[in-house]
Amino acid sequence: HMFLPYYAMEQMKNTTKSGKPLLERERTILDYSEHMRNGFFPLSP
């Protein structure tokens, strides 16, 4: 599932190394809204 970056990010939160959480902490460096891709139906297949 980790071939998708979003799944890789979530998997990092649920991965352990030697029985302990792999992550020390998380933070947001750039905070923007998710890009929304709304198609134009008359141009759709």
PDB file of all heavy atoms in Angstrom:
ATOM      1  N   HIS A   1       0.827  -1.210   0.000  1.00  0.00           N
ATOM      2  CA  HIS A   1       0.000   0.000   0.000  1.00  0.00           C
ATOM      3  C   HIS A   1       0.859   1.256   0.000  1.00  0.00           C
ATOM      4  O   HIS A   1       0.396   2.343  -0.374  1.00  0.00           O
ATOM      5  CB  HIS A   1      -0.922   0.013   1.226  1.00  0.00           C
ATOM      6  CG  HIS A   1      -2.175  -0.798   1.071  1.00  0.00           C
ATOM      7  ND1 HIS A   1      -2.150  -2.161   0.916  1.00  0.00           N
ATOM      8  CD2 HIS A   1      -3.488  -0.441   1.052  1.00  0.00           C
ATOM      9  CE1 HIS A   1      -3.402  -2.618   0.815  1.00  0.00           C
ATOM     10  NE2 HIS A   1      -4.222  -1.586   0.883  1.00  0.00           N
ATOM     11  N   MET A   2       2.112   1.120   0.403  1.00  0.00           N
ATOM     12  CA  MET A   2       2.994   2.276   0.540  1.00  0.00           C
ATOM     13  C   MET A   2       3.462   2.834  -0.801  1.00  0.00           C
ATOM     14  O   MET A   2       4.199   3.820  -0.831  1.00  0.00           O
ATOM     15  CB  MET A   2       4.204   1.918   1.407  1.00  0.00           C
ATOM     16  CG  MET A   2       3.859   1.606   2.849  1.00  0.00           C
ATOM     17  SD  MET A   2       5.278   1.083   3.839  1.00  0.00           S
ATOM     18  CE  MET A   2       6.214   2.621   3.941  1.00  0.00           C
ATOM     19  N   PHE A   3       3.036   2.235  -1.930  1.00  0.00           N
ATOM     20  CA  PHE A   3       3.406   2.838  -3.211  1.00  0.00           C
ATOM     21  C   PHE A   3       2.693   4.171  -3.406  1.00  0.00           C
ATOM     22  O   PHE A   3       3.089   4.987  -4.251  1.00  0.00           O
ATOM     23  CB  PHE A   3       3.111   1.877  -4.371  1.00  0.00           C
ATOM     24  CG  PHE A   3       1.699   1.899  -4.899  1.00  0.00           C
ATOM     25  CD1 PHE A   3       1.327   2.747  -5.923  1.00  0.00           C
ATOM     26  CD2 PHE A   3       0.732   1.045  -4.373  1.00  0.00           C
ATOM     27  CE1 PHE A   3       0.037   2.759  -6.426  1.00  0.00           C
ATOM     28  CE2 PHE A   3      -0.565   1.038  -4.865  1.00  0.00           C
ATOM     29  CZ  PHE A   3      -0.919   1.902  -5.891  1.00  0.00           C
ATOM     30  N   LEU A   4       1.641   4.423  -2.624  1.00  0.00           N
ATOM     31  CA  LEU A   4       0.981   5.725  -2.621  1.00  0.00           C
ATOM     32  C   LEU A   4       1.499   6.538  -1.438  1.00  0.00           C
ATOM     33  O   LEU A   4       1.445   6.073  -0.300  1.00  0.00           O
ATOM     34  CB  LEU A   4      -0.536   5.567  -2.530  1.00  0.00           C
ATOM     35  CG  LEU A   4      -1.224   4.970  -3.755  1.00  0.00           C
ATOM     36  CD1 LEU A   4      -2.710   4.773  -3.484  1.00  0.00           C
ATOM     37  CD2 LEU A   4      -1.022   5.862  -4.980  1.00  0.00           C
ATOM     38  N   PRO A   5       2.005   7.762  -1.677  1.00  0.00           N
ATOM     39  CA  PRO A   5       2.593   8.556  -0.593  1.00  0.00           C
ATOM     40  C   PRO A   5       1.681   8.781   0.606  1.00  0.00           C
ATOM     41  O   PRO A   5       2.152   8.741   1.745  1.00  0.00           O
ATOM     42  CB  PRO A   5       2.918   9.885  -1.293  1.00  0.00           C
ATOM     43  CG  PRO A   5       3.208   9.481  -2.706  1.00  0.00           C
ATOM     44  CD  PRO A   5       2.220   8.390  -2.995  1.00  0.00           C
ATOM     45  N   TYR A   6       0.374   8.981   0.380  1.00  0.00           N
ATOM     46  CA  TYR A   6      -0.522   9.211   1.515  1.00  0.00           C
ATOM     47  C   TYR A   6      -0.598   7.969   2.404  1.00  0.00           C
ATOM     48  O   TYR A   6      -0.651   8.064   3.629  1.00  0.00           O
ATOM     49  CB  TYR A   6      -1.926   9.584   1.027  1.00  0.00           C
ATOM     50  CG  TYR A   6      -2.048  10.977   0.438  1.00  0.00           C
ATOM     51  CD1 TYR A   6      -0.932  11.665  -0.023  1.00  0.00           C
ATOM     52  CD2 TYR A   6      -3.278  11.601   0.313  1.00  0.00           C
ATOM     53  CE1 TYR A   6      -1.038  12.928  -0.574  1.00  0.00           C
ATOM     54  CE2 TYR A   6      -3.403  12.871  -0.237  1.00  0.00           C
ATOM     55  CZ  TYR A   6      -2.278  13.521  -0.690  1.00  0.00           C
ATOM     56  OH  TYR A   6      -2.385  14.782  -1.233  1.00  0.00           O
ATOM     57  N   TYR A   7      -0.611   6.799   1.772  1.00  0.00           N
ATOM     58  CA  TYR A   7      -0.633   5.561   2.540  1.00  0.00           C
ATOM     59  C   TYR A   7       0.710   5.335   3.237  1.00  0.00           C
ATOM     60  O   TYR A   7       0.751   4.807   4.355  1.00  0.00           O
ATOM     61  CB  TYR A   7      -0.971   4.377   1.633  1.00  0.00           C
ATOM     62  CG  TYR A   7      -2.456   4.181   1.436  1.00  0.00           C
ATOM     63  CD1 TYR A   7      -3.131   4.831   0.409  1.00  0.00           C
ATOM     64  CD2 TYR A   7      -3.196   3.366   2.283  1.00  0.00           C
ATOM     65  CE1 TYR A   7      -4.498   4.667   0.214  1.00  0.00           C
ATOM     66  CE2 TYR A   7      -4.557   3.183   2.111  1.00  0.00           C
ATOM     67  CZ  TYR A   7      -5.213   3.843   1.074  1.00  0.00           C
ATOM     68  OH  TYR A   7      -6.570   3.692   0.905  1.00  0.00           O
ATOM     69  N   ALA A   8       1.807   5.724   2.574  1.00  0.00           N
ATOM     70  CA  ALA A   8       3.121   5.603   3.208  1.00  0.00           C
ATOM     71  C   ALA A   8       3.194   6.476   4.457  1.00  0.00           C
ATOM     72  O   ALA A   8       3.740   6.059   5.489  1.00  0.00           O
ATOM     73  CB  ALA A   8       4.210   5.991   2.214  1.00  0.00           C
ATOM     74  N   MET A   9       2.640   7.675   4.382  1.00  0.00           N
ATOM     75  CA  MET A   9       2.636   8.577   5.529  1.00  0.00           C
ATOM     76  C   MET A   9       1.842   7.984   6.695  1.00  0.00           C
ATOM     77  O   MET A   9       2.294   8.006   7.850  1.00  0.00           O
ATOM     78  CB  MET A   9       2.036   9.934   5.128  1.00  0.00           C
ATOM     79  CG  MET A   9       1.987  10.956   6.255  1.00  0.00           C
ATOM     80  SD  MET A   9       1.362  12.566   5.713  1.00  0.00           S
ATOM     81  CE  MET A   9      -0.341  12.151   5.288  1.00  0.00           C
ATOM     82  N   GLU A  10       0.673   7.419   6.399  1.00  0.00           N
ATOM     83  CA  GLU A  10      -0.123   6.799   7.456  1.00  0.00           C
ATOM     84  C   GLU A  10       0.552   5.549   8.008  1.00  0.00           C
ATOM     85  O   GLU A  10       0.468   5.253   9.196  1.00  0.00           O
ATOM     86  CB  GLU A  10      -1.522   6.451   6.926  1.00  0.00           C
ATOM     87  CG  GLU A  10      -2.413   7.650   6.679  1.00  0.00           C
ATOM     88  CD  GLU A  10      -2.620   8.470   7.945  1.00  0.00           C
ATOM     89  OE1 GLU A  10      -2.917   7.876   9.008  1.00  0.00           O
ATOM     90  OE2 GLU A  10      -2.467   9.708   7.876  1.00  0.00           O
ATOM     91  N   GLN A  11       1.241   4.818   7.106  1.00  0.00           N
ATOM     92  CA  GLN A  11       1.911   3.603   7.550  1.00  0.00           C
ATOM     93  C   GLN A  11       3.054   3.917   8.504  1.00  0.00           C
ATOM     94  O   GLN A  11       3.332   3.144   9.438  1.00  0.00           O
ATOM     95  CB  GLN A  11       2.435   2.822   6.346  1.00  0.00           C
ATOM     96  CG  GLN A  11       2.976   1.443   6.689  1.00  0.00           C
ATOM     97  CD  GLN A  11       1.940   0.567   7.371  1.00  0.00           C
ATOM     98  OE1 GLN A  11       0.879   0.293   6.831  1.00  0.00           O
ATOM     99  NE2 GLN A  11       2.226   0.137   8.600  1.00  0.00           N
ATOM    100  N   MET A  12       3.722   5.051   8.292  1.00  0.00           N
ATOM    101  CA  MET A  12       4.802   5.452   9.194  1.00  0.00           C
ATOM    102  C   MET A  12       4.309   5.586  10.636  1.00  0.00           C
ATOM    103  O   MET A  12       5.016   5.274  11.589  1.00  0.00           O
ATOM    104  CB  MET A  12       5.426   6.767   8.727  1.00  0.00           C
ATOM    105  CG  MET A  12       6.279   6.638   7.493  1.00  0.00           C
ATOM    106  SD  MET A  12       7.765   5.665   7.806  1.00  0.00           S
ATOM    107  CE  MET A  12       8.619   5.873   6.254  1.00  0.00           C
ATOM    108  N   LYS A  13       3.065   6.037  10.776  1.00  0.00           N
ATOM    109  CA  LYS A  13       2.490   6.190  12.114  1.00  0.00           C
ATOM    110  C   LYS A  13       2.193   4.839  12.753  1.00  0.00           C
ATOM    111  O   LYS A  13       2.013   4.748  13.965  1.00  0.00           O
ATOM    112  CB  LYS A  13       1.183   6.995  12.042  1.00  0.00           C
ATOM    113  CG  LYS A  13       1.315   8.388  11.452  1.00  0.00           C
ATOM    114  CD  LYS A  13      -0.061   9.031  11.330  1.00  0.00           C
ATOM    115  CE  LYS A  13       0.003  10.354  10.603  1.00  0.00           C
ATOM    116  NZ  LYS A  13      -1.346  10.964  10.440  1.00  0.00           N
ATOM    117  N   ASN A  14       2.126   3.802  11.927  1.00  0.00           N
ATOM    118  CA  ASN A  14       1.745   2.479  12.411  1.00  0.00           C
ATOM    119  C   ASN A  14       2.852   1.457  12.168  1.00  0.00           C
ATOM    120  O   ASN A  14       2.586   0.285  11.935  1.00  0.00           O
ATOM    121  CB  ASN A  14       0.452   2.035  11.714  1.00  0.00           C
ATOM    122  CG  ASN A  14      -0.735   2.891  12.081  1.00  0.00           C
ATOM    123  OD1 ASN A  14      -1.412   2.631  13.064  1.00  0.00           O
ATOM    124  ND2 ASN A  14      -0.987   3.934  11.292  1.00  0.00           N
ATOM    125  N   THR A  15       4.082   1.938  12.219  1.00  0.00           N
ATOM    126  CA  THR A  15       5.242   1.071  12.042  1.00  0.00           C
ATOM    127  C   THR A  15       6.101   1.122  13.296  1.00  0.00           C
ATOM    128  O   THR A  15       6.298   2.191  13.883  1.00  0.00           O
ATOM    129  CB  THR A  15       6.070   1.511  10.818  1.00  0.00           C
ATOM    130  OG1 THR A  15       5.258   1.399   9.642  1.00  0.00           O
ATOM    131  CG2 THR A  15       7.310   0.652  10.647  1.00  0.00           C
ATOM    132  N   THR A  16       6.591  -0.029  13.693  1.00  0.00           N
ATOM    133  CA  THR A  16       7.457  -0.088  14.870  1.00  0.00           C
ATOM    134  C   THR A  16       8.844  -0.571  14.475  1.00  0.00           C
ATOM    135  O   THR A  16       9.015  -1.279  13.482  1.00  0.00           O
ATOM    136  CB  THR A  16       6.887  -1.023  15.947  1.00  0.00           C
ATOM    137  OG1 THR A  16       6.729  -2.340  15.384  1.00  0.00           O
ATOM    138  CG2 THR A  16       5.550  -0.528  16.456  1.00  0.00           C
ATOM    139  N   LYS A  17       9.827  -0.161  15.285  1.00  0.00           N
ATOM    140  CA  LYS A  17      11.206  -0.630  15.138  1.00  0.00           C
ATOM    141  C   LYS A  17      11.656  -1.171  16.486  1.00  0.00           C
ATOM    142  O   LYS A  17      11.671  -0.448  17.477  1.00  0.00           O
ATOM    143  CB  LYS A  17      12.132   0.496  14.682  1.00  0.00           C
ATOM    144  CG  LYS A  17      13.592   0.055  14.468  1.00  0.00           C
ATOM    145  CD  LYS A  17      14.437   1.174  13.905  1.00  0.00           C
ATOM    146  CE  LYS A  17      14.625   2.279  14.910  1.00  0.00           C
ATOM    147  NZ  LYS A  17      15.472   1.841  16.062  1.00  0.00           N
ATOM    148  N   SER A  18      11.928  -2.443  16.499  1.00  0.00           N
ATOM    149  CA  SER A  18      12.306  -3.124  17.755  1.00  0.00           C
ATOM    150  C   SER A  18      11.222  -2.966  18.814  1.00  0.00           C
ATOM    151  O   SER A  18      11.511  -2.766  20.000  1.00  0.00           O
ATOM    152  CB  SER A  18      13.650  -2.584  18.268  1.00  0.00           C
ATOM    153  OG  SER A  18      14.671  -2.777  17.317  1.00  0.00           O
ATOM    154  N   GLY A  19       9.960  -2.997  18.375  1.00  0.00           N
ATOM    155  CA  GLY A  19       8.833  -2.948  19.297  1.00  0.00           C
ATOM    156  C   GLY A  19       8.425  -1.561  19.737  1.00  0.00           C
ATOM    157  O   GLY A  19       7.447  -1.404  20.474  1.00  0.00           O
ATOM    158  N   LYS A  20       9.134  -0.517  19.280  1.00  0.00           N
ATOM    159  CA  LYS A  20       8.809   0.861  19.652  1.00  0.00           C
ATOM    160  C   LYS A  20       8.378   1.637  18.411  1.00  0.00           C
ATOM    161  O   LYS A  20       8.801   1.320  17.295  1.00  0.00           O
ATOM    162  CB  LYS A  20      10.027   1.534  20.297  1.00  0.00           C
ATOM    163  CG  LYS A  20      10.484   0.879  21.597  1.00  0.00           C
ATOM    164  CD  LYS A  20      11.703   1.600  22.156  1.00  0.00           C
ATOM    165  CE  LYS A  20      12.182   0.944  23.449  1.00  0.00           C
ATOM    166  NZ  LYS A  20      13.375   1.612  24.019  1.00  0.00           N
ATOM    167  N   PRO A  21       7.547   2.686  18.590  1.00  0.00           N
ATOM    168  CA  PRO A  21       7.113   3.471  17.427  1.00  0.00           C
ATOM    169  C   PRO A  21       8.302   4.008  16.632  1.00  0.00           C
ATOM    170  O   PRO A  21       9.270   4.499  17.207  1.00  0.00           O
ATOM    171  CB  PRO A  21       6.297   4.612  18.049  1.00  0.00           C
ATOM    172  CG  PRO A  21       5.812   4.061  19.345  1.00  0.00           C
ATOM    173  CD  PRO A  21       6.917   3.168  19.839  1.00  0.00           C
ATOM    174  N   LEU A  22       8.204   3.914  15.326  1.00  0.00           N
ATOM    175  CA  LEU A  22       9.280   4.388  14.464  1.00  0.00           C
ATOM    176  C   LEU A  22       9.386   5.914  14.484  1.00  0.00           C
ATOM    177  O   LEU A  22      10.473   6.467  14.331  1.00  0.00           O
ATOM    178  CB  LEU A  22       9.035   3.912  13.028  1.00  0.00           C
ATOM    179  CG  LEU A  22      10.027   4.371  11.962  1.00  0.00           C
ATOM    180  CD1 LEU A  22      11.422   3.824  12.254  1.00  0.00           C
ATOM    181  CD2 LEU A  22       9.563   3.934  10.575  1.00  0.00           C
ATOM    182  N   LEU A  23       8.241   6.575  14.682  1.00  0.00           N
ATOM    183  CA  LEU A  23       8.233   8.030  14.621  1.00  0.00           C
ATOM    184  C   LEU A  23       8.502   8.659  15.980  1.00  0.00           C
ATOM    185  O   LEU A  23       7.987   8.214  17.012  1.00  0.00           O
ATOM    186  CB  LEU A  23       6.887   8.538  14.093  1.00  0.00           C
ATOM    187  CG  LEU A  23       6.516   8.165  12.650  1.00  0.00           C
ATOM    188  CD1 LEU A  23       5.260   8.896  12.232  1.00  0.00           C
ATOM    189  CD2 LEU A  23       7.668   8.451  11.692  1.00  0.00           C
ATOM    190  N   GLU A  24       9.274   9.716  15.941  1.00  0.00           N
ATOM    191  CA  GLU A  24       9.513  10.512  17.139  1.00  0.00           C
ATOM    192  C   GLU A  24       8.445  11.589  17.280  1.00  0.00           C
ATOM    193  O   GLU A  24       7.853  11.777  18.322  1.00  0.00           O
ATOM    194  CB  GLU A  24      10.897  11.155  17.062  1.00  0.00           C
ATOM    195  CG  GLU A  24      11.283  12.010  18.257  1.00  0.00           C
ATOM    196  CD  GLU A  24      12.661  12.614  18.094  1.00  0.00           C
ATOM    197  OE1 GLU A  24      13.610  11.866  17.813  1.00  0.00           O
ATOM    198  OE2 GLU A  24      12.771  13.861  18.218  1.00  0.00           O
ATOM    199  N   ARG A  25       8.187  12.292  16.163  1.00  0.00           N
ATOM    200  CA  ARG A  25       7.116  13.293  16.147  1.00  0.00           C
ATOM    201  C   ARG A  25       6.825  13.682  14.702  1.00  0.00           C
ATOM    202  O   ARG A  25       7.562  13.327  13.780  1.00  0.00           O
ATOM    203  CB  ARG A  25       7.482  14.529  16.967  1.00  0.00           C
ATOM    204  CG  ARG A  25       8.702  15.293  16.509  1.00  0.00           C
ATOM    205  CD  ARG A  25       9.060  16.401  17.497  1.00  0.00           C
ATOM    206  NE  ARG A  25      10.291  17.086  17.121  1.00  0.00           N
ATOM    207  CZ  ARG A  25      10.335  18.150  16.325  1.00  0.00           C
ATOM    208  NH1 ARG A  25       9.211  18.627  15.791  1.00  0.00           N
ATOM    209  NH2 ARG A  25      11.492  18.731  16.040  1.00  0.00           N
ATOM    210  N   GLU A  26       5.743  14.449  14.523  1.00  0.00           N
ATOM    211  CA  GLU A  26       5.323  14.911  13.204  1.00  0.00           C
ATOM    212  C   GLU A  26       5.089  16.414  13.238  1.00  0.00           C
ATOM    213  O   GLU A  26       4.801  16.986  14.286  1.00  0.00           O
ATOM    214  CB  GLU A  26       4.020  14.226  12.776  1.00  0.00           C
ATOM    215  CG  GLU A  26       4.100  12.716  12.679  1.00  0.00           C
ATOM    216  CD  GLU A  26       2.742  12.110  12.329  1.00  0.00           C
ATOM    217  OE1 GLU A  26       1.880  12.056  13.220  1.00  0.00           O
ATOM    218  OE2 GLU A  26       2.552  11.726  11.175  1.00  0.00           O
ATOM    219  N   ARG A  27       5.202  17.014  12.077  1.00  0.00           N
ATOM    220  CA  ARG A  27       4.862  18.444  11.979  1.00  0.00           C
ATOM    221  C   ARG A  27       4.524  18.776  10.535  1.00  0.00           C
ATOM    222  O   ARG A  27       4.893  18.048   9.602  1.00  0.00           O
ATOM    223  CB  ARG A  27       6.008  19.320  12.474  1.00  0.00           C
ATOM    224  CG  ARG A  27       7.237  19.353  11.591  1.00  0.00           C
ATOM    225  CD  ARG A  27       8.377  20.091  12.281  1.00  0.00           C
ATOM    226  NE  ARG A  27       9.544  20.217  11.405  1.00  0.00           N
ATOM    227  CZ  ARG A  27       9.905  21.353  10.806  1.00  0.00           C
ATOM    228  NH1 ARG A  27       9.179  22.447  10.974  1.00  0.00           N
ATOM    229  NH2 ARG A  27      10.982  21.400  10.045  1.00  0.00           N
ATOM    230  N   THR A  28       3.805  19.882  10.373  1.00  0.00           N
ATOM    231  CA  THR A  28       3.446  20.372   9.049  1.00  0.00           C
ATOM    232  C   THR A  28       4.398  21.499   8.675  1.00  0.00           C
ATOM    233  O   THR A  28       4.522  22.478   9.409  1.00  0.00           O
ATOM    234  CB  THR A  28       1.998  20.873   9.013  1.00  0.00           C
ATOM    235  OG1 THR A  28       1.122  19.784   9.317  1.00  0.00           O
ATOM    236  CG2 THR A  28       1.635  21.420   7.645  1.00  0.00           C
ATOM    237  N   ILE A  29       5.051  21.369   7.540  1.00  0.00           N
ATOM    238  CA  ILE A  29       5.993  22.397   7.088  1.00  0.00           C
ATOM    239  C   ILE A  29       5.285  23.436   6.236  1.00  0.00           C
ATOM    240  O   ILE A  29       5.441  24.635   6.443  1.00  0.00           O
ATOM    241  CB  ILE A  29       7.140  21.742   6.301  1.00  0.00           C
ATOM    242  CG1 ILE A  29       7.913  20.786   7.210  1.00  0.00           C
ATOM    243  CG2 ILE A  29       8.079  22.803   5.732  1.00  0.00           C
ATOM    244  CD1 ILE A  29       8.981  19.994   6.499  1.00  0.00           C
ATOM    245  N   LEU A  30       4.516  22.976   5.256  1.00  0.00           N
ATOM    246  CA  LEU A  30       3.680  23.868   4.450  1.00  0.00           C
ATOM    247  C   LEU A  30       2.233  23.450   4.647  1.00  0.00           C
ATOM    248  O   LEU A  30       1.904  22.273   4.517  1.00  0.00           O
ATOM    249  CB  LEU A  30       4.036  23.767   2.963  1.00  0.00           C
ATOM    250  CG  LEU A  30       5.402  24.304   2.531  1.00  0.00           C
ATOM    251  CD1 LEU A  30       5.586  24.105   1.025  1.00  0.00           C
ATOM    252  CD2 LEU A  30       5.561  25.777   2.876  1.00  0.00           C
ATOM    253  N   ASP A  31       1.387  24.396   4.957  1.00  0.00           N
ATOM    254  CA  ASP A  31      -0.009  24.086   5.257  1.00  0.00           C
ATOM    255  C   ASP A  31      -0.915  24.712   4.208  1.00  0.00           C
ATOM    256  O   ASP A  31      -1.233  25.897   4.276  1.00  0.00           O
ATOM    257  CB  ASP A  31      -0.368  24.592   6.653  1.00  0.00           C
ATOM    258  CG  ASP A  31      -1.712  24.040   7.134  1.00  0.00           C
ATOM    259  OD1 ASP A  31      -2.245  23.142   6.459  1.00  0.00           O
ATOM    260  OD2 ASP A  31      -2.211  24.513   8.166  1.00  0.00           O
ATOM    261  N   TYR A  32      -1.297  23.914   3.218  1.00  0.00           N
ATOM    262  CA  TYR A  32      -2.221  24.353   2.178  1.00  0.00           C
ATOM    263  C   TYR A  32      -3.374  23.362   2.102  1.00  0.00           C
ATOM    264  O   TYR A  32      -3.266  22.228   2.551  1.00  0.00           O
ATOM    265  CB  TYR A  32      -1.529  24.420   0.812  1.00  0.00           C
ATOM    266  CG  TYR A  32      -0.496  25.513   0.682  1.00  0.00           C
ATOM    267  CD1 TYR A  32       0.863  25.196   0.610  1.00  0.00           C
ATOM    268  CD2 TYR A  32      -0.867  26.846   0.621  1.00  0.00           C
ATOM    269  CE1 TYR A  32       1.825  26.198   0.486  1.00  0.00           C
ATOM    270  CE2 TYR A  32       0.077  27.846   0.492  1.00  0.00           C
ATOM    271  CZ  TYR A  32       1.424  27.520   0.435  1.00  0.00           C
ATOM    272  OH  TYR A  32       2.364  28.513   0.318  1.00  0.00           O
ATOM    273  N   SER A  33      -4.471  23.814   1.511  1.00  0.00           N
ATOM    274  CA  SER A  33      -5.623  22.926   1.328  1.00  0.00           C
ATOM    275  C   SER A  33      -5.320  21.902   0.241  1.00  0.00           C
ATOM    276  O   SER A  33      -4.491  22.133  -0.648  1.00  0.00           O
ATOM    277  CB  SER A  33      -6.866  23.737   0.939  1.00  0.00           C
ATOM    278  OG  SER A  33      -7.187  24.669   1.946  1.00  0.00           O
ATOM    279  N   GLU A  34      -6.003  20.770   0.321  1.00  0.00           N
ATOM    280  CA  GLU A  34      -5.849  19.720  -0.694  1.00  0.00           C
ATOM    281  C   GLU A  34      -6.334  20.249  -2.043  1.00  0.00           C
ATOM    282  O   GLU A  34      -7.354  20.935  -2.125  1.00  0.00           O
ATOM    283  CB  GLU A  34      -6.675  18.499  -0.291  1.00  0.00           C
ATOM    284  CG  GLU A  34      -6.346  17.245  -1.053  1.00  0.00           C
ATOM    285  CD  GLU A  34      -5.032  16.620  -0.611  1.00  0.00           C
ATOM    286  OE1 GLU A  34      -4.711  16.643   0.594  1.00  0.00           O
ATOM    287  OE2 GLU A  34      -4.326  16.108  -1.491  1.00  0.00           O
ATOM    288  N   HIS A  35      -5.582  19.952  -3.092  1.00  0.00           N
ATOM    289  CA  HIS A  35      -5.996  20.370  -4.433  1.00  0.00           C
ATOM    290  C   HIS A  35      -7.237  19.582  -4.852  1.00  0.00           C
ATOM    291  O   HIS A  35      -7.255  18.359  -4.785  1.00  0.00           O
ATOM    292  CB  HIS A  35      -4.869  20.124  -5.432  1.00  0.00           C
ATOM    293  CG  HIS A  35      -3.809  21.180  -5.402  1.00  0.00           C
ATOM    294  ND1 HIS A  35      -3.151  21.612  -6.521  1.00  0.00           N
ATOM    295  CD2 HIS A  35      -3.294  21.906  -4.380  1.00  0.00           C
ATOM    296  CE1 HIS A  35      -2.269  22.539  -6.200  1.00  0.00           C
ATOM    297  NE2 HIS A  35      -2.336  22.723  -4.899  1.00  0.00           N
ATOM    298  N   MET A  36      -8.258  20.302  -5.280  1.00  0.00           N
ATOM    299  CA  MET A  36      -9.481  19.657  -5.753  1.00  0.00           C
ATOM    300  C   MET A  36      -9.492  19.672  -7.279  1.00  0.00           C
ATOM    301  O   MET A  36      -9.286  20.714  -7.900  1.00  0.00           O
ATOM    302  CB  MET A  36     -10.719  20.381  -5.210  1.00  0.00           C
ATOM    303  CG  MET A  36     -10.786  20.439  -3.687  1.00  0.00           C
ATOM    304  SD  MET A  36     -10.800  18.802  -2.908  1.00  0.00           S
ATOM    305  CE  MET A  36     -12.386  18.191  -3.467  1.00  0.00           C
ATOM    306  N   ARG A  37      -9.714  18.507  -7.883  1.00  0.00           N
ATOM    307  CA  ARG A  37      -9.733  18.389  -9.341  1.00  0.00           C
ATOM    308  C   ARG A  37     -11.163  18.096  -9.790  1.00  0.00           C
ATOM    309  O   ARG A  37     -11.614  16.950  -9.769  1.00  0.00           O
ATOM    310  CB  ARG A  37      -8.774  17.287  -9.803  1.00  0.00           C
ATOM    311  CG  ARG A  37      -7.323  17.615  -9.581  1.00  0.00           C
ATOM    312  CD  ARG A  37      -6.414  16.453  -9.959  1.00  0.00           C
ATOM    313  NE  ARG A  37      -6.561  15.337  -9.033  1.00  0.00           N
ATOM    314  CZ  ARG A  37      -5.915  15.243  -7.886  1.00  0.00           C
ATOM    315  NH1 ARG A  37      -5.100  16.198  -7.504  1.00  0.00           N
ATOM    316  NH2 ARG A  37      -6.105  14.210  -7.093  1.00  0.00           N
ATOM    317  N   ASN A  38     -11.875  19.143 -10.190  1.00  0.00           N
ATOM    318  CA  ASN A  38     -13.257  19.003 -10.644  1.00  0.00           C
ATOM    319  C   ASN A  38     -13.279  19.026 -12.170  1.00  0.00           C
ATOM    320  O   ASN A  38     -12.932  20.034 -12.794  1.00  0.00           O
ATOM    321  CB  ASN A  38     -14.127  20.137 -10.089  1.00  0.00           C
ATOM    322  CG  ASN A  38     -14.224  20.069  -8.568  1.00  0.00           C
ATOM    323  OD1 ASN A  38     -14.382  18.994  -8.002  1.00  0.00           O
ATOM    324  ND2 ASN A  38     -14.104  21.213  -7.904  1.00  0.00           N
ATOM    325  N   GLY A  39     -13.664  17.914 -12.761  1.00  0.00           N
ATOM    326  CA  GLY A  39     -13.688  17.830 -14.211  1.00  0.00           C
ATOM    327  C   GLY A  39     -14.912  18.519 -14.804  1.00  0.00           C
ATOM    328  O   GLY A  39     -15.910  18.752 -14.133  1.00  0.00           O
ATOM    329  N   PHE A  40     -14.813  18.851 -16.086  1.00  0.00           N
ATOM    330  CA  PHE A  40     -15.897  19.472 -16.839  1.00  0.00           C
ATOM    331  C   PHE A  40     -16.582  18.362 -17.623  1.00  0.00           C
ATOM    332  O   PHE A  40     -15.994  17.774 -18.530  1.00  0.00           O
ATOM    333  CB  PHE A  40     -15.325  20.552 -17.754  1.00  0.00           C
ATOM    334  CG  PHE A  40     -16.362  21.319 -18.523  1.00  0.00           C
ATOM    335  CD1 PHE A  40     -17.453  21.886 -17.876  1.00  0.00           C
ATOM    336  CD2 PHE A  40     -16.250  21.475 -19.893  1.00  0.00           C
ATOM    337  CE1 PHE A  40     -18.420  22.594 -18.588  1.00  0.00           C
ATOM    338  CE2 PHE A  40     -17.203  22.180 -20.612  1.00  0.00           C
ATOM    339  CZ  PHE A  40     -18.286  22.742 -19.958  1.00  0.00           C
ATOM    340  N   PHE A  41     -17.829  18.031 -17.260  1.00  0.00           N
ATOM    341  CA  PHE A  41     -18.495  16.840 -17.799  1.00  0.00           C
ATOM    342  C   PHE A  41     -18.517  16.790 -19.323  1.00  0.00           C
ATOM    343  O   PHE A  41     -18.274  15.719 -19.903  1.00  0.00           O
ATOM    344  CB  PHE A  41     -19.915  16.729 -17.242  1.00  0.00           C
ATOM    345  CG  PHE A  41     -20.632  15.493 -17.695  1.00  0.00           C
ATOM    346  CD1 PHE A  41     -20.248  14.231 -17.247  1.00  0.00           C
ATOM    347  CD2 PHE A  41     -21.680  15.576 -18.609  1.00  0.00           C
ATOM    348  CE1 PHE A  41     -20.897  13.085 -17.680  1.00  0.00           C
ATOM    349  CE2 PHE A  41     -22.342  14.433 -19.041  1.00  0.00           C
ATOM    350  CZ  PHE A  41     -21.936  13.193 -18.581  1.00  0.00           C
ATOM    351  N   PRO A  42     -18.788  17.897 -20.033  1.00  0.00           N
ATOM    352  CA  PRO A  42     -18.800  17.813 -21.509  1.00  0.00           C
ATOM    353  C   PRO A  42     -17.452  17.432 -22.120  1.00  0.00           C
ATOM    354  O   PRO A  42     -17.388  17.112 -23.303  1.00  0.00           O
ATOM    355  CB  PRO A  42     -19.222  19.223 -21.944  1.00  0.00           C
ATOM    356  CG  PRO A  42     -20.028  19.729 -20.797  1.00  0.00           C
ATOM    357  CD  PRO A  42     -19.330  19.193 -19.575  1.00  0.00           C
ATOM    358  N   LEU A  43     -16.383  17.466 -21.346  1.00  0.00           N
ATOM    359  CA  LEU A  43     -15.080  17.042 -21.848  1.00  0.00           C
ATOM    360  C   LEU A  43     -14.699  15.644 -21.356  1.00  0.00           C
ATOM    361  O   LEU A  43     -13.622  15.143 -21.680  1.00  0.00           O
ATOM    362  CB  LEU A  43     -13.991  18.035 -21.419  1.00  0.00           C
ATOM    363  CG  LEU A  43     -14.115  19.456 -21.963  1.00  0.00           C
ATOM    364  CD1 LEU A  43     -12.988  20.333 -21.418  1.00  0.00           C
ATOM    365  CD2 LEU A  43     -14.097  19.465 -23.495  1.00  0.00           C
ATOM    366  N   SER A  44     -15.567  15.020 -20.606  1.00  0.00           N
ATOM    367  CA  SER A  44     -15.244  13.742 -19.979  1.00  0.00           C
ATOM    368  C   SER A  44     -15.492  12.576 -20.938  1.00  0.00           C
ATOM    369  O   SER A  44     -16.286  12.678 -21.887  1.00  0.00           O
ATOM    370  CB  SER A  44     -16.086  13.545 -18.721  1.00  0.00           C
ATOM    371  OG  SER A  44     -17.449  13.350 -19.063  1.00  0.00           O
ATOM    372  N   PRO A  45     -14.846  11.436 -20.708  1.00  0.00           N
ATOM    373  CA  PRO A  45     -15.082  10.261 -21.583  1.00  0.00           C
ATOM    374  C   PRO A  45     -16.512   9.752 -21.524  1.00  0.00           C
ATOM    375  O   PRO A  45     -17.049   9.304 -22.536  1.00  0.00           O
ATOM    376  CB  PRO A  45     -14.087   9.223 -21.058  1.00  0.00           C
ATOM    377  CG  PRO A  45     -13.714   9.678 -19.681  1.00  0.00           C
ATOM    378  CD  PRO A  45     -13.808  11.169 -19.704  1.00  0.00           C
TER     379      PRO A  45
END
